[in-house]
PDB file of all heavy atoms in Angstrom:
ATOM      1  N   ILE A   1       0.832  -1.208   0.000  1.00  0.00           N
ATOM      2  CA  ILE A   1       0.000   0.000   0.000  1.00  0.00           C
ATOM      3  C   ILE A   1       0.863   1.253   0.000  1.00  0.00           C
ATOM      4  O   ILE A   1       0.643   2.188  -0.783  1.00  0.00           O
ATOM      5  CB  ILE A   1      -0.939  -0.005   1.219  1.00  0.00           C
ATOM      6  CG1 ILE A   1      -1.963  -1.151   1.111  1.00  0.00           C
ATOM      7  CG2 ILE A   1      -1.647   1.341   1.368  1.00  0.00           C
ATOM      8  CD1 ILE A   1      -2.759  -1.383   2.378  1.00  0.00           C
ATOM      9  N   ASN A   2       1.894   1.269   0.846  1.00  0.00           N
ATOM     10  CA  ASN A   2       2.606   2.517   1.111  1.00  0.00           C
ATOM     11  C   ASN A   2       3.729   2.844   0.138  1.00  0.00           C
ATOM     12  O   ASN A   2       4.120   4.026   0.049  1.00  0.00           O
ATOM     13  CB  ASN A   2       3.135   2.513   2.545  1.00  0.00           C
ATOM     14  CG  ASN A   2       2.020   2.623   3.569  1.00  0.00           C
ATOM     15  OD1 ASN A   2       1.031   3.315   3.334  1.00  0.00           O
ATOM     16  ND2 ASN A   2       2.152   1.929   4.682  1.00  0.00           N
ATOM     17  N   VAL A   3       4.258   1.866  -0.594  1.00  0.00           N
ATOM     18  CA  VAL A   3       5.242   2.250  -1.624  1.00  0.00           C
ATOM     19  C   VAL A   3       4.544   2.888  -2.815  1.00  0.00           C
ATOM     20  O   VAL A   3       5.184   3.456  -3.694  1.00  0.00           O
ATOM     21  CB  VAL A   3       6.114   1.052  -2.100  1.00  0.00           C
ATOM     22  CG1 VAL A   3       6.943   0.489  -0.975  1.00  0.00           C
ATOM     23  CG2 VAL A   3       5.276  -0.012  -2.782  1.00  0.00           C
ATOM     24  N   LYS A   4       3.213   2.756  -2.826  1.00  0.00           N
ATOM     25  CA  LYS A   4       2.381   3.424  -3.843  1.00  0.00           C
ATOM     26  C   LYS A   4       2.760   3.021  -5.265  1.00  0.00           C
ATOM     27  O   LYS A   4       2.861   3.854  -6.175  1.00  0.00           O
ATOM     28  CB  LYS A   4       2.437   4.944  -3.677  1.00  0.00           C
ATOM     29  CG  LYS A   4       1.810   5.433  -2.366  1.00  0.00           C
ATOM     30  CD  LYS A   4       1.873   6.932  -2.230  1.00  0.00           C
ATOM     31  CE  LYS A   4       1.035   7.445  -1.057  1.00  0.00           C
ATOM     32  NZ  LYS A   4       1.357   6.820   0.233  1.00  0.00           N
ATOM     33  N   GLY A   5       2.948   1.700  -5.452  1.00  0.00           N
ATOM     34  CA  GLY A   5       3.108   1.176  -6.795  1.00  0.00           C
ATOM     35  C   GLY A   5       1.804   1.270  -7.562  1.00  0.00           C
ATOM     36  O   GLY A   5       0.757   1.666  -7.011  1.00  0.00           O
ATOM     37  N   ASN A   6       1.844   0.903  -8.839  1.00  0.00           N
ATOM     38  CA  ASN A   6       0.655   1.067  -9.686  1.00  0.00           C
ATOM     39  C   ASN A   6      -0.538   0.240  -9.228  1.00  0.00           C
ATOM     40  O   ASN A   6      -1.682   0.558  -9.557  1.00  0.00           O
ATOM     41  CB  ASN A   6       0.999   0.707 -11.136  1.00  0.00           C
ATOM     42  CG  ASN A   6       1.839   1.772 -11.798  1.00  0.00           C
ATOM     43  OD1 ASN A   6       1.807   2.932 -11.421  1.00  0.00           O
ATOM     44  ND2 ASN A   6       2.620   1.385 -12.796  1.00  0.00           N
ATOM     45  N   ALA A   7      -0.290  -0.844  -8.486  1.00  0.00           N
ATOM     46  CA  ALA A   7      -1.395  -1.694  -8.028  1.00  0.00           C
ATOM     47  C   ALA A   7      -1.938  -1.282  -6.667  1.00  0.00           C
ATOM     48  O   ALA A   7      -2.936  -1.848  -6.208  1.00  0.00           O
ATOM     49  CB  ALA A   7      -0.946  -3.149  -7.978  1.00  0.00           C
ATOM     50  N   ALA A   8      -1.322  -0.305  -6.023  1.00  0.00           N
ATOM     51  CA  ALA A   8      -1.697   0.033  -4.649  1.00  0.00           C
ATOM     52  C   ALA A   8      -3.151   0.459  -4.527  1.00  0.00           C
ATOM     53  O   ALA A   8      -3.788   0.242  -3.489  1.00  0.00           O
ATOM     54  CB  ALA A   8      -0.780   1.123  -4.114  1.00  0.00           C
ATOM     55  N   TYR A   9      -3.710   1.041  -5.589  1.00  0.00           N
ATOM     56  CA  TYR A   9      -5.105   1.514  -5.510  1.00  0.00           C
ATOM     57  C   TYR A   9      -6.073   0.369  -5.231  1.00  0.00           C
ATOM     58  O   TYR A   9      -7.165   0.593  -4.677  1.00  0.00           O
ATOM     59  CB  TYR A   9      -5.494   2.204  -6.822  1.00  0.00           C
ATOM     60  CG  TYR A   9      -5.827   1.269  -7.944  1.00  0.00           C
ATOM     61  CD1 TYR A   9      -7.132   0.863  -8.181  1.00  0.00           C
ATOM     62  CD2 TYR A   9      -4.826   0.740  -8.764  1.00  0.00           C
ATOM     63  CE1 TYR A   9      -7.445  -0.021  -9.205  1.00  0.00           C
ATOM     64  CE2 TYR A   9      -5.127  -0.139  -9.788  1.00  0.00           C
ATOM     65  CZ  TYR A   9      -6.426  -0.516 -10.003  1.00  0.00           C
ATOM     66  OH  TYR A   9      -6.724  -1.403 -11.007  1.00  0.00           O
ATOM     67  N   ILE A  10      -5.698  -0.855  -5.587  1.00  0.00           N
ATOM     68  CA  ILE A  10      -6.584  -2.011  -5.394  1.00  0.00           C
ATOM     69  C   ILE A  10      -6.840  -2.240  -3.901  1.00  0.00           C
ATOM     70  O   ILE A  10      -7.905  -2.745  -3.514  1.00  0.00           O
ATOM     71  CB  ILE A  10      -5.985  -3.269  -6.045  1.00  0.00           C
ATOM     72  CG1 ILE A  10      -5.859  -3.064  -7.567  1.00  0.00           C
ATOM     73  CG2 ILE A  10      -6.821  -4.515  -5.752  1.00  0.00           C
ATOM     74  CD1 ILE A  10      -5.149  -4.207  -8.286  1.00  0.00           C
ATOM     75  N   LEU A  11      -5.883  -1.853  -3.061  1.00  0.00           N
ATOM     76  CA  LEU A  11      -6.022  -2.051  -1.612  1.00  0.00           C
ATOM     77  C   LEU A  11      -6.288  -0.737  -0.877  1.00  0.00           C
ATOM     78  O   LEU A  11      -6.104  -0.664   0.340  1.00  0.00           O
ATOM     79  CB  LEU A  11      -4.759  -2.706  -1.049  1.00  0.00           C
ATOM     80  CG  LEU A  11      -4.406  -4.097  -1.568  1.00  0.00           C
ATOM     81  CD1 LEU A  11      -3.264  -4.685  -0.760  1.00  0.00           C
ATOM     82  CD2 LEU A  11      -5.611  -5.036  -1.523  1.00  0.00           C
ATOM     83  N   ALA A  12      -6.735   0.278  -1.576  1.00  0.00           N
ATOM     84  CA  ALA A  12      -6.978   1.572  -0.937  1.00  0.00           C
ATOM     85  C   ALA A  12      -7.999   1.436   0.195  1.00  0.00           C
ATOM     86  O   ALA A  12      -9.009   0.742   0.066  1.00  0.00           O
ATOM     87  CB  ALA A  12      -7.472   2.581  -1.964  1.00  0.00           C
ATOM     88  N   GLY A  13      -7.706   2.086   1.309  1.00  0.00           N
ATOM     89  CA  GLY A  13      -8.644   2.112   2.426  1.00  0.00           C
ATOM     90  C   GLY A  13      -8.577   0.918   3.356  1.00  0.00           C
ATOM     91  O   GLY A  13      -9.447   0.773   4.226  1.00  0.00           O
ATOM     92  N   LEU A  14      -7.561   0.064   3.220  1.00  0.00           N
ATOM     93  CA  LEU A  14      -7.456  -1.116   4.078  1.00  0.00           C
ATOM     94  C   LEU A  14      -6.628  -0.836   5.325  1.00  0.00           C
ATOM     95  O   LEU A  14      -5.695  -0.024   5.303  1.00  0.00           O
ATOM     96  CB  LEU A  14      -6.803  -2.275   3.325  1.00  0.00           C
ATOM     97  CG  LEU A  14      -7.502  -2.833   2.093  1.00  0.00           C
ATOM     98  CD1 LEU A  14      -6.825  -4.129   1.664  1.00  0.00           C
ATOM     99  CD2 LEU A  14      -8.976  -3.075   2.356  1.00  0.00           C
ATOM    100  N   THR A  15      -6.972  -1.550   6.385  1.00  0.00           N
ATOM    101  CA  THR A  15      -6.156  -1.587   7.593  1.00  0.00           C
ATOM    102  C   THR A  15      -5.758  -3.035   7.836  1.00  0.00           C
ATOM    103  O   THR A  15      -6.626  -3.919   7.827  1.00  0.00           O
ATOM    104  CB  THR A  15      -6.927  -1.042   8.811  1.00  0.00           C
ATOM    105  OG1 THR A  15      -7.321   0.304   8.551  1.00  0.00           O
ATOM    106  CG2 THR A  15      -6.062  -1.088  10.061  1.00  0.00           C
ATOM    107  N   ILE A  16      -4.453  -3.274   8.037  1.00  0.00           N
ATOM    108  CA  ILE A  16      -3.955  -4.637   8.224  1.00  0.00           C
ATOM    109  C   ILE A  16      -3.255  -4.720   9.572  1.00  0.00           C
ATOM    110  O   ILE A  16      -2.388  -3.898   9.888  1.00  0.00           O
ATOM    111  CB  ILE A  16      -2.968  -5.031   7.101  1.00  0.00           C
ATOM    112  CG1 ILE A  16      -3.662  -4.985   5.732  1.00  0.00           C
ATOM    113  CG2 ILE A  16      -2.422  -6.432   7.337  1.00  0.00           C
ATOM    114  CD1 ILE A  16      -3.274  -3.803   4.892  1.00  0.00           C
ATOM    115  N   LYS A  17      -3.633  -5.702  10.380  1.00  0.00           N
ATOM    116  CA  LYS A  17      -2.979  -5.865  11.681  1.00  0.00           C
ATOM    117  C   LYS A  17      -3.058  -7.331  12.105  1.00  0.00           C
ATOM    118  O   LYS A  17      -3.874  -8.112  11.594  1.00  0.00           O
ATOM    119  CB  LYS A  17      -3.639  -4.985  12.735  1.00  0.00           C
ATOM    120  CG  LYS A  17      -5.091  -5.321  13.019  1.00  0.00           C
ATOM    121  CD  LYS A  17      -5.685  -4.396  14.077  1.00  0.00           C
ATOM    122  CE  LYS A  17      -7.136  -4.779  14.390  1.00  0.00           C
ATOM    123  NZ  LYS A  17      -7.722  -3.891  15.424  1.00  0.00           N
ATOM    124  N   ALA A  18      -2.187  -7.710  13.041  1.00  0.00           N
ATOM    125  CA  ALA A  18      -2.218  -9.065  13.589  1.00  0.00           C
ATOM    126  C   ALA A  18      -3.509  -9.264  14.359  1.00  0.00           C
ATOM    127  O   ALA A  18      -4.008  -8.346  15.030  1.00  0.00           O
ATOM    128  CB  ALA A  18      -1.015  -9.294  14.491  1.00  0.00           C
ATOM    129  N   GLY A  19      -4.075 -10.479  14.258  1.00  0.00           N
ATOM    130  CA  GLY A  19      -5.302 -10.790  14.977  1.00  0.00           C
ATOM    131  C   GLY A  19      -5.046 -11.142  16.427  1.00  0.00           C
ATOM    132  O   GLY A  19      -3.899 -11.349  16.847  1.00  0.00           O
ATOM    133  N   SER A  20      -6.099 -11.224  17.200  1.00  0.00           N
ATOM    134  CA  SER A  20      -5.970 -11.577  18.613  1.00  0.00           C
ATOM    135  C   SER A  20      -5.686 -13.060  18.792  1.00  0.00           C
ATOM    136  O   SER A  20      -5.111 -13.466  19.799  1.00  0.00           O
ATOM    137  CB  SER A  20      -7.243 -11.182  19.368  1.00  0.00           C
ATOM    138  OG  SER A  20      -8.383 -11.825  18.799  1.00  0.00           O
ATOM    139  N   GLU A  21      -6.085 -13.886  17.827  1.00  0.00           N
ATOM    140  CA  GLU A  21      -5.800 -15.317  17.880  1.00  0.00           C
ATOM    141  C   GLU A  21      -4.455 -15.594  17.223  1.00  0.00           C
ATOM    142  O   GLU A  21      -4.017 -14.866  16.325  1.00  0.00           O
ATOM    143  CB  GLU A  21      -6.900 -16.096  17.162  1.00  0.00           C
ATOM    144  CG  GLU A  21      -8.276 -15.961  17.784  1.00  0.00           C
ATOM    145  CD  GLU A  21      -8.339 -16.539  19.180  1.00  0.00           C
ATOM    146  OE1 GLU A  21      -7.688 -17.580  19.422  1.00  0.00           O
ATOM    147  OE2 GLU A  21      -9.025 -15.946  20.051  1.00  0.00           O
ATOM    148  N   PRO A  22      -3.769 -16.672  17.648  1.00  0.00           N
ATOM    149  CA  PRO A  22      -2.464 -16.988  17.052  1.00  0.00           C
ATOM    150  C   PRO A  22      -2.569 -17.211  15.539  1.00  0.00           C
ATOM    151  O   PRO A  22      -3.548 -17.760  15.042  1.00  0.00           O
ATOM    152  CB  PRO A  22      -2.057 -18.282  17.772  1.00  0.00           C
ATOM    153  CG  PRO A  22      -2.838 -18.290  19.037  1.00  0.00           C
ATOM    154  CD  PRO A  22      -4.136 -17.615  18.717  1.00  0.00           C
ATOM    155  N   ASN A  23      -1.543 -16.753  14.831  1.00  0.00           N
ATOM    156  CA  ASN A  23      -1.421 -16.984  13.387  1.00  0.00           C
ATOM    157  C   ASN A  23      -2.590 -16.421  12.587  1.00  0.00           C
ATOM    158  O   ASN A  23      -2.972 -16.969  11.559  1.00  0.00           O
ATOM    159  CB  ASN A  23      -1.263 -18.475  13.076  1.00  0.00           C
ATOM    160  CG  ASN A  23       0.069 -19.004  13.544  1.00  0.00           C
ATOM    161  OD1 ASN A  23       1.088 -18.325  13.432  1.00  0.00           O
ATOM    162  ND2 ASN A  23       0.063 -20.211  14.084  1.00  0.00           N
ATOM    163  N   THR A  24      -3.151 -15.328  13.048  1.00  0.00           N
ATOM    164  CA  THR A  24      -4.240 -14.701  12.293  1.00  0.00           C
ATOM    165  C   THR A  24      -3.870 -13.263  11.949  1.00  0.00           C
ATOM    166  O   THR A  24      -3.149 -12.584  12.697  1.00  0.00           O
ATOM    167  CB  THR A  24      -5.569 -14.700  13.075  1.00  0.00           C
ATOM    168  OG1 THR A  24      -5.414 -13.962  14.287  1.00  0.00           O
ATOM    169  CG2 THR A  24      -6.023 -16.117  13.365  1.00  0.00           C
ATOM    170  N   VAL A  25      -4.366 -12.810  10.822  1.00  0.00           N
ATOM    171  CA  VAL A  25      -4.234 -11.421  10.418  1.00  0.00           C
ATOM    172  C   VAL A  25      -5.621 -10.908  10.081  1.00  0.00           C
ATOM    173  O   VAL A  25      -6.437 -11.623   9.487  1.00  0.00           O
ATOM    174  CB  VAL A  25      -3.264 -11.254   9.224  1.00  0.00           C
ATOM    175  CG1 VAL A  25      -3.772 -11.986   7.993  1.00  0.00           C
ATOM    176  CG2 VAL A  25      -3.031  -9.787   8.899  1.00  0.00           C
ATOM    177  N   VAL A  26      -5.905  -9.677  10.489  1.00  0.00           N
ATOM    178  CA  VAL A  26      -7.224  -9.089  10.280  1.00  0.00           C
ATOM    179  C   VAL A  26      -7.087  -7.924   9.302  1.00  0.00           C
ATOM    180  O   VAL A  26      -6.299  -6.999   9.530  1.00  0.00           O
ATOM    181  CB  VAL A  26      -7.841  -8.597  11.602  1.00  0.00           C
ATOM    182  CG1 VAL A  26      -9.190  -7.944  11.340  1.00  0.00           C
ATOM    183  CG2 VAL A  26      -7.991  -9.769  12.576  1.00  0.00           C
ATOM    184  N   VAL A  27      -7.843  -8.010   8.223  1.00  0.00           N
ATOM    185  CA  VAL A  27      -7.872  -6.951   7.224  1.00  0.00           C
ATOM    186  C   VAL A  27      -9.244  -6.277   7.320  1.00  0.00           C
ATOM    187  O   VAL A  27     -10.278  -6.942   7.216  1.00  0.00           O
ATOM    188  CB  VAL A  27      -7.639  -7.496   5.808  1.00  0.00           C
ATOM    189  CG1 VAL A  27      -7.651  -6.357   4.788  1.00  0.00           C
ATOM    190  CG2 VAL A  27      -6.321  -8.257   5.737  1.00  0.00           C
ATOM    191  N   THR A  28      -9.226  -4.976   7.513  1.00  0.00           N
ATOM    192  CA  THR A  28     -10.461  -4.210   7.676  1.00  0.00           C
ATOM    193  C   THR A  28     -10.603  -3.213   6.529  1.00  0.00           C
ATOM    194  O   THR A  28      -9.630  -2.550   6.154  1.00  0.00           O
ATOM    195  CB  THR A  28     -10.458  -3.453   9.013  1.00  0.00           C
ATOM    196  OG1 THR A  28     -10.225  -4.382  10.073  1.00  0.00           O
ATOM    197  CG2 THR A  28     -11.792  -2.765   9.251  1.00  0.00           C
ATOM    198  N   THR A  29     -11.807  -3.119   5.987  1.00  0.00           N
ATOM    199  CA  THR A  29     -12.078  -2.187   4.891  1.00  0.00           C
ATOM    200  C   THR A  29     -12.958  -1.046   5.378  1.00  0.00           C
ATOM    201  O   THR A  29     -13.726  -1.208   6.334  1.00  0.00           O
ATOM    202  CB  THR A  29     -12.785  -2.897   3.728  1.00  0.00           C
ATOM    203  OG1 THR A  29     -14.070  -3.365   4.167  1.00  0.00           O
ATOM    204  CG2 THR A  29     -11.978  -4.095   3.252  1.00  0.00           C
ATOM    205  N   GLU A  30     -12.862   0.111   4.710  1.00  0.00           N
ATOM    206  CA  GLU A  30     -13.702   1.246   5.087  1.00  0.00           C
ATOM    207  C   GLU A  30     -15.157   0.998   4.732  1.00  0.00           C
ATOM    208  O   GLU A  30     -16.072   1.414   5.457  1.00  0.00           O
ATOM    209  CB  GLU A  30     -13.209   2.503   4.364  1.00  0.00           C
ATOM    210  CG  GLU A  30     -11.830   2.967   4.814  1.00  0.00           C
ATOM    211  CD  GLU A  30     -11.355   4.181   4.025  1.00  0.00           C
ATOM    212  OE1 GLU A  30     -12.016   4.531   3.027  1.00  0.00           O
ATOM    213  OE2 GLU A  30     -10.335   4.773   4.414  1.00  0.00           O
ATOM    214  N   ASN A  31     -15.387   0.326   3.612  1.00  0.00           N
ATOM    215  CA  ASN A  31     -16.734   0.032   3.140  1.00  0.00           C
ATOM    216  C   ASN A  31     -16.879  -1.463   2.934  1.00  0.00           C
ATOM    217  O   ASN A  31     -15.881  -2.192   2.798  1.00  0.00           O
ATOM    218  CB  ASN A  31     -16.994   0.761   1.816  1.00  0.00           C
ATOM    219  CG  ASN A  31     -16.870   2.262   1.953  1.00  0.00           C
ATOM    220  OD1 ASN A  31     -17.550   2.883   2.766  1.00  0.00           O
ATOM    221  ND2 ASN A  31     -15.976   2.863   1.158  1.00  0.00           N
ATOM    222  N   PRO A  32     -18.098  -1.977   2.909  1.00  0.00           N
ATOM    223  CA  PRO A  32     -18.272  -3.406   2.630  1.00  0.00           C
ATOM    224  C   PRO A  32     -17.556  -3.804   1.336  1.00  0.00           C
ATOM    225  O   PRO A  32     -17.663  -3.099   0.327  1.00  0.00           O
ATOM    226  CB  PRO A  32     -19.792  -3.553   2.501  1.00  0.00           C
ATOM    227  CG  PRO A  32     -20.346  -2.421   3.314  1.00  0.00           C
ATOM    228  CD  PRO A  32     -19.384  -1.283   3.138  1.00  0.00           C
ATOM    229  N   ASP A  33     -16.825  -4.908   1.367  1.00  0.00           N
ATOM    230  CA  ASP A  33     -16.031  -5.287   0.192  1.00  0.00           C
ATOM    231  C   ASP A  33     -15.909  -6.812   0.083  1.00  0.00           C
ATOM    232  O   ASP A  33     -14.877  -7.394   0.395  1.00  0.00           O
ATOM    233  CB  ASP A  33     -14.646  -4.659   0.259  1.00  0.00           C
ATOM    234  CG  ASP A  33     -13.862  -4.848  -1.026  1.00  0.00           C
ATOM    235  OD1 ASP A  33     -14.426  -5.377  -2.001  1.00  0.00           O
ATOM    236  OD2 ASP A  33     -12.675  -4.475  -1.064  1.00  0.00           O
ATOM    237  N   PRO A  34     -16.973  -7.472  -0.391  1.00  0.00           N
ATOM    238  CA  PRO A  34     -16.893  -8.925  -0.574  1.00  0.00           C
ATOM    239  C   PRO A  34     -15.810  -9.356  -1.552  1.00  0.00           C
ATOM    240  O   PRO A  34     -15.416 -10.530  -1.564  1.00  0.00           O
ATOM    241  CB  PRO A  34     -18.289  -9.274  -1.117  1.00  0.00           C
ATOM    242  CG  PRO A  34     -19.165  -8.142  -0.724  1.00  0.00           C
ATOM    243  CD  PRO A  34     -18.293  -6.937  -0.738  1.00  0.00           C
TER     244      PRO A  34
END
């Protein structure tokens, strides 16, 4: 997202962080995004 390559717009508005459970990552979007 942050190097702002040409594909970065595809992930615009995402938040990525480690989950509370082991070996999980949580990706959050600003708007619903199936």
